């Protein structure tokens, strides 16, 4: 199928061919190959042979592209804010409205060309400008869903490859990490379960977090997150533990530990790692962002070369 990229005046600017993979009344998904010379952008390098899986919607104000290296490795996702696609006699047309969003395989999201869009929006009818702006939140939700699916698959592959099992220790996320993990069919092959340790007492009794750690560092700290990850390995008899603790908000913060401050940790035979993150005052947003941060850390941690499987959880020296 021929694809025609148009400007906001519906004038064709670029045309190329794509192989239709699927289509229905609301969307067309096709496969296209990057045939131009290498192009280095601030967020990705496009090379000849890169594979674009492009989904065009006839009822949404955006298009979604998944970009892979010619060997199959994911480079990221790219979404264009655009008028709903139109089926033409010689293919499919879509009007690019300049505003774009990029997400890389680590889940980092960038909003691109906002200034260009605002200048262009002055030429759009008010209802179209509003629809285009409203598409941004929809795109962000869609990209997060795509990324979580990718991260879930990567985590599952790494655990199955090693023959390891996983447990979660969650405080501020309230079970969201385990919820995402179990969204993947077949997760029972490697996910044993989780402990929601919301209170300090449960952190101590169920996960073995030390009183000295809570007194010296507090529950919202990297040492606590690491002890939680280590503790869930012992409590559930799993190889890998991942944890989250923090202040979801909107209340409960202090000058030293503001609302949105969270820590995630991971413990495995590969070692231990912890990370600090600072969000906003949005409780639900902080919970979701912290769960994503834990998945991101776990995915990165498990990307290390495989080691021999140990059936019993070990107290591993901290590696990072």
C-alpha atoms as a PDB file:
ATOM      1  CA  UNK A   1       0.000   0.000   0.000  1.00  0.00           C
ATOM      2  CA  UNK A   2       1.195   3.510  -0.789  1.00  0.00           C
ATOM      3  CA  UNK A   3       1.443   5.843   2.215  1.00  0.00           C
ATOM      4  CA  UNK A   4       1.206   9.603   1.715  1.00  0.00           C
ATOM      5  CA  UNK A   5       2.384  11.898   4.508  1.00  0.00           C
ATOM      6  CA  UNK A   6       0.788  15.334   4.176  1.00  0.00           C
ATOM      7  CA  UNK A   7       1.243  18.650   5.944  1.00  0.00           C
ATOM      8  CA  UNK A   8      -1.482  20.359   7.978  1.00  0.00           C
ATOM      9  CA  UNK A   9      -2.942  21.757   4.744  1.00  0.00           C
ATOM     10  CA  UNK A  10      -3.391  18.169   3.447  1.00  0.00           C
ATOM     11  CA  UNK A  11      -0.713  18.681   0.798  1.00  0.00           C
ATOM     12  CA  UNK A  12       1.337  15.560   0.115  1.00  0.00           C
ATOM     13  CA  UNK A  13       5.004  15.879   1.123  1.00  0.00           C
ATOM     14  CA  UNK A  14       6.391  12.324   1.348  1.00  0.00           C
ATOM     15  CA  UNK A  15       5.190   9.028  -0.141  1.00  0.00           C
ATOM     16  CA  UNK A  16       6.460   5.501   0.411  1.00  0.00           C
ATOM     17  CA  UNK A  17       5.347   1.878   0.189  1.00  0.00           C
ATOM     18  CA  UNK A  18       4.314  -0.418   3.017  1.00  0.00           C
ATOM     19  CA  UNK A  19       3.177  -4.030   3.309  1.00  0.00           C
ATOM     20  CA  UNK A  20      -0.265  -4.306   4.904  1.00  0.00           C
ATOM     21  CA  UNK A  21      -0.184  -6.593   7.943  1.00  0.00           C
ATOM     22  CA  UNK A  22      -3.764  -6.091   9.124  1.00  0.00           C
ATOM     23  CA  UNK A  23      -6.702  -3.775   8.613  1.00  0.00           C
ATOM     24  CA  UNK A  24     -10.238  -3.204   9.816  1.00  0.00           C
ATOM     25  CA  UNK A  25     -12.662  -0.318   9.732  1.00  0.00           C
ATOM     26  CA  UNK A  26     -10.692   1.735  12.256  1.00  0.00           C
ATOM     27  CA  UNK A  27      -7.019   0.995  11.634  1.00  0.00           C
ATOM     28  CA  UNK A  28      -4.449  -0.188   9.144  1.00  0.00           C
ATOM     29  CA  UNK A  29      -1.143  -1.690  10.282  1.00  0.00           C
ATOM     30  CA  UNK A  30       1.662  -2.024   7.787  1.00  0.00           C
ATOM     31  CA  UNK A  31       5.364  -2.782   7.618  1.00  0.00           C
ATOM     32  CA  UNK A  32       7.716  -0.292   5.977  1.00  0.00           C
ATOM     33  CA  UNK A  33      11.502  -0.244   5.585  1.00  0.00           C
ATOM     34  CA  UNK A  34      13.746   2.790   6.055  1.00  0.00           C
ATOM     35  CA  UNK A  35      15.555   3.130   2.716  1.00  0.00           C
ATOM     36  CA  UNK A  36      17.082   6.578   3.146  1.00  0.00           C
ATOM     37  CA  UNK A  37      20.671   7.233   4.284  1.00  0.00           C
ATOM     38  CA  UNK A  38      21.451   7.023   7.999  1.00  0.00           C
ATOM     39  CA  UNK A  39      19.780   9.835   9.914  1.00  0.00           C
ATOM     40  CA  UNK A  40      20.922  10.685  13.444  1.00  0.00           C
ATOM     41  CA  UNK A  41      18.300  12.366  15.605  1.00  0.00           C
ATOM     42  CA  UNK A  42      18.785  13.482  19.225  1.00  0.00           C
ATOM     43  CA  UNK A  43      16.819  10.475  20.462  1.00  0.00           C
ATOM     44  CA  UNK A  44      17.480   7.709  17.869  1.00  0.00           C
ATOM     45  CA  UNK A  45      19.605   6.858  14.842  1.00  0.00           C
ATOM     46  CA  UNK A  46      17.685   5.600  11.817  1.00  0.00           C
ATOM     47  CA  UNK A  47      19.635   3.253   9.543  1.00  0.00           C
ATOM     48  CA  UNK A  48      18.931   1.645   6.196  1.00  0.00           C
ATOM     49  CA  UNK A  49      16.935  -1.518   6.735  1.00  0.00           C
ATOM     50  CA  UNK A  50      15.257  -0.378   9.957  1.00  0.00           C
ATOM     51  CA  UNK A  51      11.755  -1.829  10.237  1.00  0.00           C
ATOM     52  CA  UNK A  52       8.743   0.388  10.918  1.00  0.00           C
ATOM     53  CA  UNK A  53       5.503  -1.240  12.076  1.00  0.00           C
ATOM     54  CA  UNK A  54       3.064   1.602  11.456  1.00  0.00           C
ATOM     55  CA  UNK A  55      -0.521   1.786  12.682  1.00  0.00           C
ATOM     56  CA  UNK A  56      -2.785   4.430  11.161  1.00  0.00           C
ATOM     57  CA  UNK A  57      -6.169   5.127  12.757  1.00  0.00           C
ATOM     58  CA  UNK A  58      -9.196   6.455  10.924  1.00  0.00           C
ATOM     59  CA  UNK A  59     -10.867   7.545  14.180  1.00  0.00           C
ATOM     60  CA  UNK A  60      -7.974   8.847  16.301  1.00  0.00           C
ATOM     61  CA  UNK A  61      -5.821  11.957  16.174  1.00  0.00           C
ATOM     62  CA  UNK A  62      -2.521  10.109  16.096  1.00  0.00           C
ATOM     63  CA  UNK A  63      -0.513   7.361  14.403  1.00  0.00           C
ATOM     64  CA  UNK A  64       1.795   4.931  16.186  1.00  0.00           C
ATOM     65  CA  UNK A  65       5.079   3.540  14.828  1.00  0.00           C
ATOM     66  CA  UNK A  66       7.208   0.783  16.358  1.00  0.00           C
ATOM     67  CA  UNK A  67      10.804   1.005  15.114  1.00  0.00           C
ATOM     68  CA  UNK A  68      13.180  -1.951  15.102  1.00  0.00           C
ATOM     69  CA  UNK A  69      16.696  -2.550  13.861  1.00  0.00           C
ATOM     70  CA  UNK A  70      16.827  -4.726  10.761  1.00  0.00           C
ATOM     71  CA  UNK A  71      17.960  -7.587  13.041  1.00  0.00           C
ATOM     72  CA  UNK A  72      14.827  -7.176  15.164  1.00  0.00           C
ATOM     73  CA  UNK A  73      16.058  -5.283  18.244  1.00  0.00           C
ATOM     74  CA  UNK A  74      13.619  -2.622  19.406  1.00  0.00           C
ATOM     75  CA  UNK A  75      14.742   0.992  18.964  1.00  0.00           C
ATOM     76  CA  UNK A  76      11.584   2.581  20.330  1.00  0.00           C
ATOM     77  CA  UNK A  77       8.115   3.903  19.574  1.00  0.00           C
ATOM     78  CA  UNK A  78       7.216   7.088  17.747  1.00  0.00           C
ATOM     79  CA  UNK A  79       3.780   8.674  17.657  1.00  0.00           C
ATOM     80  CA  UNK A  80       2.625  11.495  15.391  1.00  0.00           C
ATOM     81  CA  UNK A  81      -0.226  13.768  16.360  1.00  0.00           C
ATOM     82  CA  UNK A  82      -2.222  13.801  13.127  1.00  0.00           C
ATOM     83  CA  UNK A  83      -5.686  14.114  11.716  1.00  0.00           C
ATOM     84  CA  UNK A  84      -7.486  10.764  11.383  1.00  0.00           C
ATOM     85  CA  UNK A  85      -6.069   8.835   8.427  1.00  0.00           C
ATOM     86  CA  UNK A  86      -7.944   8.811   5.136  1.00  0.00           C
ATOM     87  CA  UNK A  87      -8.204   5.942   2.679  1.00  0.00           C
ATOM     88  CA  UNK A  88      -7.434   7.310  -0.795  1.00  0.00           C
ATOM     89  CA  UNK A  89      -7.719   5.708  -4.237  1.00  0.00           C
ATOM     90  CA  UNK A  90      -3.964   5.181  -4.338  1.00  0.00           C
ATOM     91  CA  UNK A  91      -3.320   4.326  -0.679  1.00  0.00           C
ATOM     92  CA  UNK A  92      -3.598   6.014   2.702  1.00  0.00           C
ATOM     93  CA  UNK A  93      -3.145   9.702   3.542  1.00  0.00           C
ATOM     94  CA  UNK A  94      -2.436  11.344   6.868  1.00  0.00           C
ATOM     95  CA  UNK A  95      -1.869  14.961   7.873  1.00  0.00           C
ATOM     96  CA  UNK A  96       1.119  15.495  10.160  1.00  0.00           C
ATOM     97  CA  UNK A  97       0.417  18.173  12.796  1.00  0.00           C
ATOM     98  CA  UNK A  98       4.071  18.497  13.896  1.00  0.00           C
ATOM     99  CA  UNK A  99       3.646  17.371  17.521  1.00  0.00           C
ATOM    100  CA  UNK A 100       5.374  14.021  18.153  1.00  0.00           C
ATOM    101  CA  UNK A 101       6.142  11.753  21.103  1.00  0.00           C
ATOM    102  CA  UNK A 102       9.052   9.319  21.387  1.00  0.00           C
ATOM    103  CA  UNK A 103       9.582   6.498  23.884  1.00  0.00           C
ATOM    104  CA  UNK A 104      12.755   4.418  24.076  1.00  0.00           C
ATOM    105  CA  UNK A 105      13.062   0.778  25.245  1.00  0.00           C
ATOM    106  CA  UNK A 106      13.845   1.951  28.789  1.00  0.00           C
ATOM    107  CA  UNK A 107      10.522   3.779  28.971  1.00  0.00           C
ATOM    108  CA  UNK A 108      11.915   7.311  28.670  1.00  0.00           C
ATOM    109  CA  UNK A 109       9.332   9.530  26.972  1.00  0.00           C
ATOM    110  CA  UNK A 110      10.015  12.756  25.065  1.00  0.00           C
ATOM    111  CA  UNK A 111       7.493  15.238  23.667  1.00  0.00           C
ATOM    112  CA  UNK A 112       8.931  16.731  20.486  1.00  0.00           C
ATOM    113  CA  UNK A 113       8.346  19.876  18.433  1.00  0.00           C
ATOM    114  CA  UNK A 114       5.909  21.559  20.813  1.00  0.00           C
ATOM    115  CA  UNK A 115       6.902  25.035  19.616  1.00  0.00           C
ATOM    116  CA  UNK A 116       6.343  24.051  15.995  1.00  0.00           C
ATOM    117  CA  UNK A 117       2.915  22.672  16.849  1.00  0.00           C
ATOM    118  CA  UNK A 118       1.848  25.802  18.748  1.00  0.00           C
ATOM    119  CA  UNK A 119       2.790  27.952  15.760  1.00  0.00           C
ATOM    120  CA  UNK A 120       0.882  25.641  13.430  1.00  0.00           C
ATOM    121  CA  UNK A 121      -2.135  25.396  15.765  1.00  0.00           C
ATOM    122  CA  UNK A 122      -2.941  29.039  15.070  1.00  0.00           C
ATOM    123  CA  UNK A 123      -3.921  27.974  11.549  1.00  0.00           C
ATOM    124  CA  UNK A 124      -6.171  25.120  12.694  1.00  0.00           C
ATOM    125  CA  UNK A 125      -9.871  25.385  13.514  1.00  0.00           C
ATOM    126  CA  UNK A 126     -10.293  25.535  17.325  1.00  0.00           C
ATOM    127  CA  UNK A 127     -11.916  22.089  17.476  1.00  0.00           C
ATOM    128  CA  UNK A 128      -9.022  20.534  15.547  1.00  0.00           C
ATOM    129  CA  UNK A 129      -6.411  22.226  17.734  1.00  0.00           C
ATOM    130  CA  UNK A 130      -8.242  20.909  20.813  1.00  0.00           C
ATOM    131  CA  UNK A 131      -8.404  17.377  19.382  1.00  0.00           C
ATOM    132  CA  UNK A 132      -4.692  17.466  18.594  1.00  0.00           C
ATOM    133  CA  UNK A 133      -3.776  18.644  22.099  1.00  0.00           C
ATOM    134  CA  UNK A 134      -6.080  16.045  23.624  1.00  0.00           C
ATOM    135  CA  UNK A 135      -4.309  13.306  21.687  1.00  0.00           C
ATOM    136  CA  UNK A 136      -1.132  13.774  23.735  1.00  0.00           C
ATOM    137  CA  UNK A 137      -2.530  12.136  26.890  1.00  0.00           C
ATOM    138  CA  UNK A 138      -3.987   9.287  24.829  1.00  0.00           C
ATOM    139  CA  UNK A 139      -0.623   8.719  23.147  1.00  0.00           C
ATOM    140  CA  UNK A 140       1.187   8.728  26.480  1.00  0.00           C
ATOM    141  CA  UNK A 141      -1.182   6.071  27.838  1.00  0.00           C
ATOM    142  CA  UNK A 142      -0.777   3.976  24.688  1.00  0.00           C
ATOM    143  CA  UNK A 143       3.018   4.220  24.753  1.00  0.00           C
ATOM    144  CA  UNK A 144       3.158   3.271  28.436  1.00  0.00           C
ATOM    145  CA  UNK A 145       1.020   0.229  27.657  1.00  0.00           C
ATOM    146  CA  UNK A 146       3.352  -0.727  24.808  1.00  0.00           C
ATOM    147  CA  UNK A 147       6.411  -0.254  27.011  1.00  0.00           C
ATOM    148  CA  UNK A 148       5.019  -2.287  29.921  1.00  0.00           C
ATOM    149  CA  UNK A 149       4.271  -5.138  27.535  1.00  0.00           C
ATOM    150  CA  UNK A 150       7.823  -4.959  26.176  1.00  0.00           C
ATOM    151  CA  UNK A 151       9.373  -4.775  29.674  1.00  0.00           C
ATOM    152  CA  UNK A 152       7.198  -7.641  30.887  1.00  0.00           C
ATOM    153  CA  UNK A 153       8.328  -9.822  27.991  1.00  0.00           C
ATOM    154  CA  UNK A 154      11.993  -8.934  28.563  1.00  0.00           C
ATOM    155  CA  UNK A 155      11.748  -9.728  32.285  1.00  0.00           C
ATOM    156  CA  UNK A 156       9.937 -13.002  31.608  1.00  0.00           C
ATOM    157  CA  UNK A 157      12.505 -14.071  29.014  1.00  0.00           C
ATOM    158  CA  UNK A 158      15.420 -13.324  31.354  1.00  0.00           C
ATOM    159  CA  UNK A 159      13.867 -15.184  34.289  1.00  0.00           C
ATOM    160  CA  UNK A 160      12.855 -18.221  32.235  1.00  0.00           C
ATOM    161  CA  UNK A 161      16.272 -18.339  30.573  1.00  0.00           C
ATOM    162  CA  UNK A 162      17.924 -18.613  33.991  1.00  0.00           C
ATOM    163  CA  UNK A 163      15.247 -20.759  35.595  1.00  0.00           C
ATOM    164  CA  UNK A 164      14.697 -18.115  38.277  1.00  0.00           C
ATOM    165  CA  UNK A 165      11.578 -17.084  40.180  1.00  0.00           C
ATOM    166  CA  UNK A 166      10.464 -13.594  41.171  1.00  0.00           C
ATOM    167  CA  UNK A 167       8.773 -12.044  44.181  1.00  0.00           C
ATOM    168  CA  UNK A 168       7.646  -8.478  44.867  1.00  0.00           C
ATOM    169  CA  UNK A 169       7.792  -6.407  48.057  1.00  0.00           C
ATOM    170  CA  UNK A 170       5.611  -3.325  47.736  1.00  0.00           C
ATOM    171  CA  UNK A 171       4.725  -0.436  49.970  1.00  0.00           C
ATOM    172  CA  UNK A 172       3.620   2.747  48.174  1.00  0.00           C
ATOM    173  CA  UNK A 173       2.691   0.898  44.962  1.00  0.00           C
ATOM    174  CA  UNK A 174       0.201  -1.303  46.803  1.00  0.00           C
ATOM    175  CA  UNK A 175       0.593  -4.319  44.510  1.00  0.00           C
ATOM    176  CA  UNK A 176       0.882  -2.535  41.156  1.00  0.00           C
ATOM    177  CA  UNK A 177       4.208  -4.168  40.292  1.00  0.00           C
ATOM    178  CA  UNK A 178       2.753  -7.625  40.789  1.00  0.00           C
ATOM    179  CA  UNK A 179      -0.346  -6.577  38.874  1.00  0.00           C
ATOM    180  CA  UNK A 180       1.725  -5.623  35.825  1.00  0.00           C
ATOM    181  CA  UNK A 181       3.841  -8.783  36.062  1.00  0.00           C
ATOM    182  CA  UNK A 182       0.736 -10.979  36.137  1.00  0.00           C
ATOM    183  CA  UNK A 183      -0.821  -9.186  33.164  1.00  0.00           C
ATOM    184  CA  UNK A 184       1.417 -11.397  31.042  1.00  0.00           C
ATOM    185  CA  UNK A 185      -0.061 -14.830  30.234  1.00  0.00           C
ATOM    186  CA  UNK A 186       2.098 -17.612  31.629  1.00  0.00           C
ATOM    187  CA  UNK A 187       3.584 -15.491  34.415  1.00  0.00           C
ATOM    188  CA  UNK A 188       2.947 -18.291  36.918  1.00  0.00           C
ATOM    189  CA  UNK A 189       5.996 -20.024  35.426  1.00  0.00           C
ATOM    190  CA  UNK A 190       8.295 -17.504  37.139  1.00  0.00           C
ATOM    191  CA  UNK A 191       6.257 -15.229  39.436  1.00  0.00           C
ATOM    192  CA  UNK A 192       5.741 -16.691  42.909  1.00  0.00           C
ATOM    193  CA  UNK A 193       3.871 -13.860  44.594  1.00  0.00           C
ATOM    194  CA  UNK A 194       4.244 -10.642  46.504  1.00  0.00           C
ATOM    195  CA  UNK A 195       4.045  -9.027  49.919  1.00  0.00           C
ATOM    196  CA  UNK A 196       2.341  -5.662  50.350  1.00  0.00           C
ATOM    197  CA  UNK A 197       4.170  -4.236  53.360  1.00  0.00           C
ATOM    198  CA  UNK A 198       2.477  -0.877  53.821  1.00  0.00           C
ATOM    199  CA  UNK A 199       3.226  -0.423  57.508  1.00  0.00           C
ATOM    200  CA  UNK A 200       6.661  -0.445  59.111  1.00  0.00           C
ATOM    201  CA  UNK A 201       5.556  -3.328  61.312  1.00  0.00           C
ATOM    202  CA  UNK A 202       4.815  -5.527  58.301  1.00  0.00           C
ATOM    203  CA  UNK A 203       8.095  -4.465  56.709  1.00  0.00           C
ATOM    204  CA  UNK A 204       9.852  -5.759  59.813  1.00  0.00           C
ATOM    205  CA  UNK A 205       7.809  -8.901  60.482  1.00  0.00           C
ATOM    206  CA  UNK A 206       7.205 -10.112  56.922  1.00  0.00           C
ATOM    207  CA  UNK A 207      10.342  -8.862  55.181  1.00  0.00           C
ATOM    208  CA  UNK A 208      12.906  -8.650  57.962  1.00  0.00           C
ATOM    209  CA  UNK A 209      13.611  -4.933  57.571  1.00  0.00           C
ATOM    210  CA  UNK A 210      15.747  -3.999  60.569  1.00  0.00           C
ATOM    211  CA  UNK A 211      14.591  -1.551  63.202  1.00  0.00           C
ATOM    212  CA  UNK A 212      17.995   0.118  62.950  1.00  0.00           C
ATOM    213  CA  UNK A 213      17.437   0.752  59.240  1.00  0.00           C
ATOM    214  CA  UNK A 214      14.068   2.371  59.883  1.00  0.00           C
ATOM    215  CA  UNK A 215      15.455   4.515  62.696  1.00  0.00           C
ATOM    216  CA  UNK A 216      18.563   5.631  60.828  1.00  0.00           C
ATOM    217  CA  UNK A 217      17.243   5.977  57.269  1.00  0.00           C
ATOM    218  CA  UNK A 218      13.452   5.726  57.460  1.00  0.00           C
ATOM    219  CA  UNK A 219      11.061   3.558  55.473  1.00  0.00           C
ATOM    220  CA  UNK A 220      11.466   5.829  52.456  1.00  0.00           C
ATOM    221  CA  UNK A 221      15.123   5.149  51.734  1.00  0.00           C
ATOM    222  CA  UNK A 222      17.361   3.054  49.534  1.00  0.00           C
ATOM    223  CA  UNK A 223      18.573   0.862  52.442  1.00  0.00           C
ATOM    224  CA  UNK A 224      14.945   0.019  53.266  1.00  0.00           C
ATOM    225  CA  UNK A 225      14.135  -0.750  49.619  1.00  0.00           C
ATOM    226  CA  UNK A 226      17.126  -3.088  49.402  1.00  0.00           C
ATOM    227  CA  UNK A 227      16.217  -4.863  52.647  1.00  0.00           C
ATOM    228  CA  UNK A 228      12.672  -5.290  51.342  1.00  0.00           C
ATOM    229  CA  UNK A 229      13.944  -6.839  48.089  1.00  0.00           C
ATOM    230  CA  UNK A 230      16.317  -9.071  50.017  1.00  0.00           C
ATOM    231  CA  UNK A 231      13.609  -9.971  52.510  1.00  0.00           C
ATOM    232  CA  UNK A 232      11.041 -11.075  49.943  1.00  0.00           C
ATOM    233  CA  UNK A 233      13.620 -13.481  48.517  1.00  0.00           C
ATOM    234  CA  UNK A 234      13.911 -15.106  51.939  1.00  0.00           C
ATOM    235  CA  UNK A 235      10.201 -14.975  52.744  1.00  0.00           C
ATOM    236  CA  UNK A 236       9.010 -16.496  49.462  1.00  0.00           C
ATOM    237  CA  UNK A 237      12.064 -18.607  48.638  1.00  0.00           C
ATOM    238  CA  UNK A 238      12.561 -16.898  45.279  1.00  0.00           C
ATOM    239  CA  UNK A 239      15.689 -16.035  43.338  1.00  0.00           C
ATOM    240  CA  UNK A 240      14.859 -12.403  42.586  1.00  0.00           C
ATOM    241  CA  UNK A 241      13.146  -9.772  44.683  1.00  0.00           C
ATOM    242  CA  UNK A 242      12.010  -6.342  43.522  1.00  0.00           C
ATOM    243  CA  UNK A 243      10.713  -3.653  45.854  1.00  0.00           C
ATOM    244  CA  UNK A 244       9.195  -0.181  46.071  1.00  0.00           C
ATOM    245  CA  UNK A 245       8.770   2.228  48.975  1.00  0.00           C
ATOM    246  CA  UNK A 246       7.930   5.921  49.008  1.00  0.00           C
ATOM    247  CA  UNK A 247       5.508   8.778  49.613  1.00  0.00           C
ATOM    248  CA  UNK A 248       2.735   8.594  47.039  1.00  0.00           C
ATOM    249  CA  UNK A 249       1.011  11.740  48.325  1.00  0.00           C
ATOM    250  CA  UNK A 250      -0.660  14.089  48.169  1.00  0.00           C
ATOM    251  CA  UNK A 251       0.116  14.389  51.914  1.00  0.00           C
ATOM    252  CA  UNK A 252       2.851  13.019  54.130  1.00  0.00           C
ATOM    253  CA  UNK A 253       5.965  14.701  52.796  1.00  0.00           C
ATOM    254  CA  UNK A 254       8.622  16.752  54.559  1.00  0.00           C
ATOM    255  CA  UNK A 255      11.465  19.072  53.601  1.00  0.00           C
ATOM    256  CA  UNK A 256      13.906  16.167  53.525  1.00  0.00           C
ATOM    257  CA  UNK A 257      11.490  13.673  52.002  1.00  0.00           C
ATOM    258  CA  UNK A 258       8.944  15.445  49.793  1.00  0.00           C
ATOM    259  CA  UNK A 259       5.785  13.966  48.345  1.00  0.00           C
ATOM    260  CA  UNK A 260       6.670  11.904  45.293  1.00  0.00           C
ATOM    261  CA  UNK A 261       9.986  10.641  46.693  1.00  0.00           C
ATOM    262  CA  UNK A 262      10.288   6.896  46.068  1.00  0.00           C
ATOM    263  CA  UNK A 263      12.942   4.209  46.075  1.00  0.00           C
ATOM    264  CA  UNK A 264      12.994   0.945  44.160  1.00  0.00           C
ATOM    265  CA  UNK A 265      15.325  -1.980  44.720  1.00  0.00           C
ATOM    266  CA  UNK A 266      16.240  -5.356  43.308  1.00  0.00           C
ATOM    267  CA  UNK A 267      18.132  -8.282  44.825  1.00  0.00           C
ATOM    268  CA  UNK A 268      19.248 -11.429  42.998  1.00  0.00           C
ATOM    269  CA  UNK A 269      22.250 -13.733  42.611  1.00  0.00           C
ATOM    270  CA  UNK A 270      23.604 -11.020  40.292  1.00  0.00           C
ATOM    271  CA  UNK A 271      23.813  -8.523  43.155  1.00  0.00           C
ATOM    272  CA  UNK A 272      21.695  -5.666  44.451  1.00  0.00           C
ATOM    273  CA  UNK A 273      20.715  -2.276  43.057  1.00  0.00           C
ATOM    274  CA  UNK A 274      18.641   0.608  44.319  1.00  0.00           C
ATOM    275  CA  UNK A 275      17.359   3.813  42.738  1.00  0.00           C
ATOM    276  CA  UNK A 276      15.861   7.086  43.924  1.00  0.00           C
ATOM    277  CA  UNK A 277      13.033   8.785  42.035  1.00  0.00           C
ATOM    278  CA  UNK A 278      11.119  12.007  42.591  1.00  0.00           C
ATOM    279  CA  UNK A 279       7.626  12.409  41.198  1.00  0.00           C
ATOM    280  CA  UNK A 280       4.819  14.925  41.647  1.00  0.00           C
ATOM    281  CA  UNK A 281       1.909  15.377  44.065  1.00  0.00           C
ATOM    282  CA  UNK A 282      -0.331  13.133  41.950  1.00  0.00           C
ATOM    283  CA  UNK A 283      -0.903   9.996  44.022  1.00  0.00           C
ATOM    284  CA  UNK A 284      -2.025   7.716  41.194  1.00  0.00           C
ATOM    285  CA  UNK A 285       0.646   9.052  38.860  1.00  0.00           C
ATOM    286  CA  UNK A 286       3.342   8.473  41.489  1.00  0.00           C
ATOM    287  CA  UNK A 287       2.213   4.898  42.075  1.00  0.00           C
ATOM    288  CA  UNK A 288       2.246   4.121  38.363  1.00  0.00           C
ATOM    289  CA  UNK A 289       5.588   5.844  37.783  1.00  0.00           C
ATOM    290  CA  UNK A 290       7.163   3.968  40.702  1.00  0.00           C
ATOM    291  CA  UNK A 291       5.891   0.622  39.443  1.00  0.00           C
ATOM    292  CA  UNK A 292       7.357   1.447  36.030  1.00  0.00           C
ATOM    293  CA  UNK A 293      10.661   2.448  37.663  1.00  0.00           C
ATOM    294  CA  UNK A 294      10.798  -0.896  39.459  1.00  0.00           C
ATOM    295  CA  UNK A 295      10.138  -2.776  36.217  1.00  0.00           C
ATOM    296  CA  UNK A 296      12.787  -0.691  34.433  1.00  0.00           C
ATOM    297  CA  UNK A 297      15.370  -1.421  37.134  1.00  0.00           C
ATOM    298  CA  UNK A 298      14.495  -5.123  37.138  1.00  0.00           C
ATOM    299  CA  UNK A 299      14.723  -5.358  33.346  1.00  0.00           C
ATOM    300  CA  UNK A 300      18.115  -3.630  33.337  1.00  0.00           C
ATOM    301  CA  UNK A 301      19.379  -5.760  36.224  1.00  0.00           C
ATOM    302  CA  UNK A 302      18.421  -9.003  34.506  1.00  0.00           C
ATOM    303  CA  UNK A 303      20.064  -7.943  31.236  1.00  0.00           C
ATOM    304  CA  UNK A 304      23.429  -9.026  32.669  1.00  0.00           C
ATOM    305  CA  UNK A 305      24.893 -12.269  31.226  1.00  0.00           C
ATOM    306  CA  UNK A 306      23.248 -15.408  32.665  1.00  0.00           C
ATOM    307  CA  UNK A 307      24.847 -17.093  35.668  1.00  0.00           C
ATOM    308  CA  UNK A 308      24.445 -20.621  37.012  1.00  0.00           C
ATOM    309  CA  UNK A 309      21.047 -21.171  38.635  1.00  0.00           C
ATOM    310  CA  UNK A 310      20.895 -21.490  42.418  1.00  0.00           C
ATOM    311  CA  UNK A 311      17.745 -23.060  43.805  1.00  0.00           C
ATOM    312  CA  UNK A 312      17.995 -21.169  47.113  1.00  0.00           C
ATOM    313  CA  UNK A 313      18.095 -17.400  47.473  1.00  0.00           C
ATOM    314  CA  UNK A 314      21.512 -16.150  48.463  1.00  0.00           C
ATOM    315  CA  UNK A 315      22.642 -13.095  50.403  1.00  0.00           C
ATOM    316  CA  UNK A 316      24.501 -11.399  47.557  1.00  0.00           C
ATOM    317  CA  UNK A 317      26.994  -8.567  47.947  1.00  0.00           C
ATOM    318  CA  UNK A 318      25.645  -5.252  46.747  1.00  0.00           C
ATOM    319  CA  UNK A 319      26.850  -4.462  43.239  1.00  0.00           C
ATOM    320  CA  UNK A 320      25.310  -1.060  42.671  1.00  0.00           C
END
